[in-house]
Protein backbone atom coordinates (compact mmCIF):
# COMPACT_ATOMS: atom_id res chain seq x y z
CA MET A 1 -65.77 3.18 58.35
CA LYS A 2 -63.64 4.69 61.01
CA LYS A 3 -66.61 4.42 62.96
CA ILE A 4 -67.61 1.29 62.69
CA LEU A 5 -63.61 -0.75 63.60
CA CYS A 6 -63.47 1.66 66.51
CA SER A 7 -67.37 0.71 67.61
CA ALA A 8 -66.69 -2.84 66.69
CA LEU A 9 -63.43 -2.30 69.42
CA LEU A 10 -64.75 -0.94 71.86
CA CYS A 11 -67.63 -3.92 71.58
CA LEU A 12 -64.25 -6.41 71.92
CA PHE A 13 -63.09 -4.78 75.74
CA SER A 14 -66.43 -4.60 76.73
CA ILE A 15 -67.67 -7.89 76.41
CA GLY A 16 -63.80 -8.83 78.11
CA ASN A 17 -62.15 -12.65 77.94
CA GLY A 18 -64.98 -13.76 80.54
CA TYR A 19 -62.90 -13.83 82.95
CA ALA A 20 -63.21 -13.44 86.38
CA SER A 21 -62.08 -9.03 87.72
CA ASN A 22 -60.22 -8.48 89.64
CA SER A 23 -62.33 -7.06 92.47
CA SER A 24 -63.84 -10.60 92.29
CA VAL A 25 -61.16 -12.14 93.11
CA ASP A 26 -60.11 -9.61 95.68
CA LYS A 27 -63.64 -10.39 97.81
CA MET A 28 -62.36 -14.81 97.21
CA PHE A 29 -59.46 -13.98 98.43
CA GLU A 30 -59.92 -11.23 101.50
CA THR A 31 -63.24 -14.02 102.61
CA MET A 32 -60.62 -17.14 102.26
CA GLN A 33 -58.43 -15.33 104.29
CA MET A 34 -55.32 -15.68 101.61
CA ASP A 35 -52.89 -13.83 104.05
CA SER A 36 -53.85 -16.63 106.63
CA GLN A 37 -53.28 -19.33 104.37
CA LEU A 38 -49.74 -18.36 103.43
CA ASN A 39 -48.73 -18.63 107.00
CA GLY A 40 -50.65 -22.24 107.14
CA GLY A 41 -48.63 -22.99 103.47
CA PHE A 42 -45.48 -22.39 106.10
CA GLU A 43 -46.76 -23.80 108.68
CA ALA A 44 -47.32 -26.95 106.51
CA MET A 45 -42.90 -26.72 105.40
CA LEU A 46 -42.16 -26.83 108.83
CA PRO A 47 -42.05 -31.18 109.16
CA VAL A 48 -39.20 -30.55 106.29
CA ILE A 49 -37.66 -28.25 108.08
CA ASP A 50 -38.01 -31.21 110.92
CA GLN A 51 -36.38 -33.52 108.51
CA MET A 52 -33.10 -31.47 107.35
CA SER A 53 -32.46 -30.98 111.09
CA GLY A 54 -32.30 -35.38 111.72
CA GLN A 55 -30.97 -35.58 109.15
CA LEU A 56 -27.61 -32.84 110.56
CA LYS A 57 -28.77 -34.63 113.65
CA LEU A 58 -29.23 -30.92 115.36
CA ASP A 59 -30.51 -30.69 118.86
CA ALA A 60 -33.46 -29.09 120.40
CA ALA A 61 -31.17 -26.30 121.03
CA ALA A 62 -30.48 -25.54 117.37
CA LYS A 63 -33.80 -26.95 116.17
CA GLU A 64 -35.34 -24.41 117.15
CA GLU A 65 -32.47 -21.88 116.00
CA LEU A 66 -32.45 -23.27 112.41
CA THR A 67 -36.69 -23.13 112.84
CA ASN A 68 -36.54 -20.06 114.15
CA ILE A 69 -34.08 -18.34 110.23
CA TYR A 70 -36.97 -19.87 108.28
CA ARG A 71 -40.05 -18.58 110.09
CA THR A 72 -37.37 -14.80 109.54
CA TRP A 73 -37.07 -15.45 106.47
CA PHE A 74 -40.79 -16.38 105.56
CA ASN A 75 -41.84 -13.47 107.95
CA GLU A 76 -39.01 -10.60 107.19
CA ASP A 77 -38.22 -11.24 103.11
CA ILE A 78 -41.14 -12.64 101.64
CA ASP A 79 -43.74 -10.24 99.67
CA ARG A 80 -46.79 -12.21 100.72
CA THR A 81 -48.36 -8.42 98.72
CA ALA A 82 -46.14 -10.15 94.75
CA VAL A 83 -47.35 -13.55 95.87
CA ILE A 84 -51.39 -12.57 96.71
CA ASP A 85 -51.32 -10.84 93.41
CA LYS A 86 -49.39 -13.40 90.83
CA ILE A 87 -51.77 -15.88 93.09
CA LYS A 88 -54.52 -13.75 92.15
CA GLN A 89 -53.94 -12.75 88.11
CA LEU A 90 -53.85 -17.30 88.22
CA TYR A 91 -57.27 -16.65 89.47
CA ALA A 92 -58.73 -14.36 87.71
CA GLN A 93 -56.96 -15.84 84.03
CA SER A 94 -57.76 -19.49 85.27
CA PHE A 95 -61.80 -18.69 86.46
CA THR A 96 -64.63 -17.30 85.18
CA GLU A 97 -66.42 -14.21 86.64
CA LYS A 98 -69.40 -16.21 87.61
CA GLU A 99 -66.90 -19.34 88.97
CA ILE A 100 -65.25 -17.13 90.87
CA GLN A 101 -68.73 -16.21 92.86
CA GLN A 102 -69.73 -18.71 93.67
CA VAL A 103 -66.09 -20.06 95.23
CA THR A 104 -66.89 -17.23 97.58
CA LYS A 105 -70.03 -17.71 98.56
CA PHE A 106 -68.76 -21.70 98.93
CA TYR A 107 -66.24 -19.88 101.47
CA GLN A 108 -68.68 -17.66 103.14
CA THR A 109 -70.79 -20.36 103.90
CA PRO A 110 -69.53 -22.97 107.37
CA VAL A 111 -68.75 -25.38 105.24
CA GLY A 112 -66.43 -23.31 103.44
CA GLN A 113 -65.08 -21.58 106.69
CA LYS A 114 -65.00 -25.35 107.67
CA PHE A 115 -62.47 -25.74 104.86
CA LEU A 116 -60.64 -22.41 105.12
CA GLN A 117 -59.92 -23.06 108.85
CA LYS A 118 -58.17 -26.64 108.16
CA SER A 119 -56.80 -27.06 105.37
CA PRO A 120 -53.06 -25.18 106.51
CA GLU A 121 -53.30 -27.69 108.96
CA LEU A 122 -54.39 -30.59 106.37
CA MET A 123 -51.46 -29.20 104.49
CA LYS A 124 -49.81 -30.53 106.81
CA LEU A 125 -51.06 -33.40 107.96
CA GLY A 126 -51.50 -34.19 103.97
CA ALA A 127 -47.05 -33.49 103.71
CA GLN A 128 -46.34 -35.17 106.90
CA ILE A 129 -47.81 -38.19 104.86
CA GLY A 130 -46.24 -36.76 101.76
CA MET A 131 -42.42 -37.50 103.65
CA ALA A 132 -42.86 -40.70 105.28
CA GLU A 133 -43.69 -42.07 101.92
CA ALA A 134 -40.60 -40.54 100.45
CA GLN A 135 -38.28 -41.58 103.36
CA SER A 136 -39.81 -45.24 103.08
CA LYS A 137 -38.96 -45.45 99.16
CA GLN A 138 -35.49 -43.81 99.78
CA ALA A 139 -33.11 -46.67 99.36
CA GLN A 140 -35.22 -47.34 95.89
CA LEU A 141 -34.33 -43.66 95.07
CA LEU A 142 -30.60 -44.04 95.59
CA SER A 143 -30.80 -47.27 93.71
CA ARG A 144 -32.66 -45.99 90.81
CA LEU A 145 -29.95 -43.19 91.22
CA LYS A 146 -27.00 -44.80 91.44
CA PRO A 147 -26.87 -45.55 87.48
CA PHE A 148 -27.16 -42.10 86.94
CA PHE A 149 -25.08 -41.06 89.28
CA LYS A 150 -22.30 -43.04 88.25
CA LYS A 151 -22.74 -42.18 84.87
CA HIS A 152 -22.47 -38.24 85.00
CA ASN A 153 -19.05 -39.38 87.20
CA ILE A 154 -21.06 -37.99 90.65
CA GLU A 155 -20.08 -39.05 94.28
């Protein structure tokens, strides 16, 4: 009986959960140049810093100083290895081995490489579009927030 249970457990572990292995995800992230993608994500955040600079009425030198504070924080304080490891876990849990291999294959093609190359700039431009829309609707947001502020005695 014990042999049967042990064999059944071994079969279950060898079958696995059907999701991607760490080595496949590692290969995909290497192909994607994930560290560069993280840098692109930071660059996409720069319009938010620009907006903050405008709201604070900073001159060009102060705006540059603020940007450099954020850049130093990102480059020196953010543990990119830990971030990438956590993102890898998400991918491994969300996609099968076959799916990860197919995505990796795509990123290895000229179109996939172009996609990766263009993604940071597209994220940045997309963030700018979103911010512009949000700014254009700021009055509507404030009118929706006024009752909330009043209800909670927030000035």
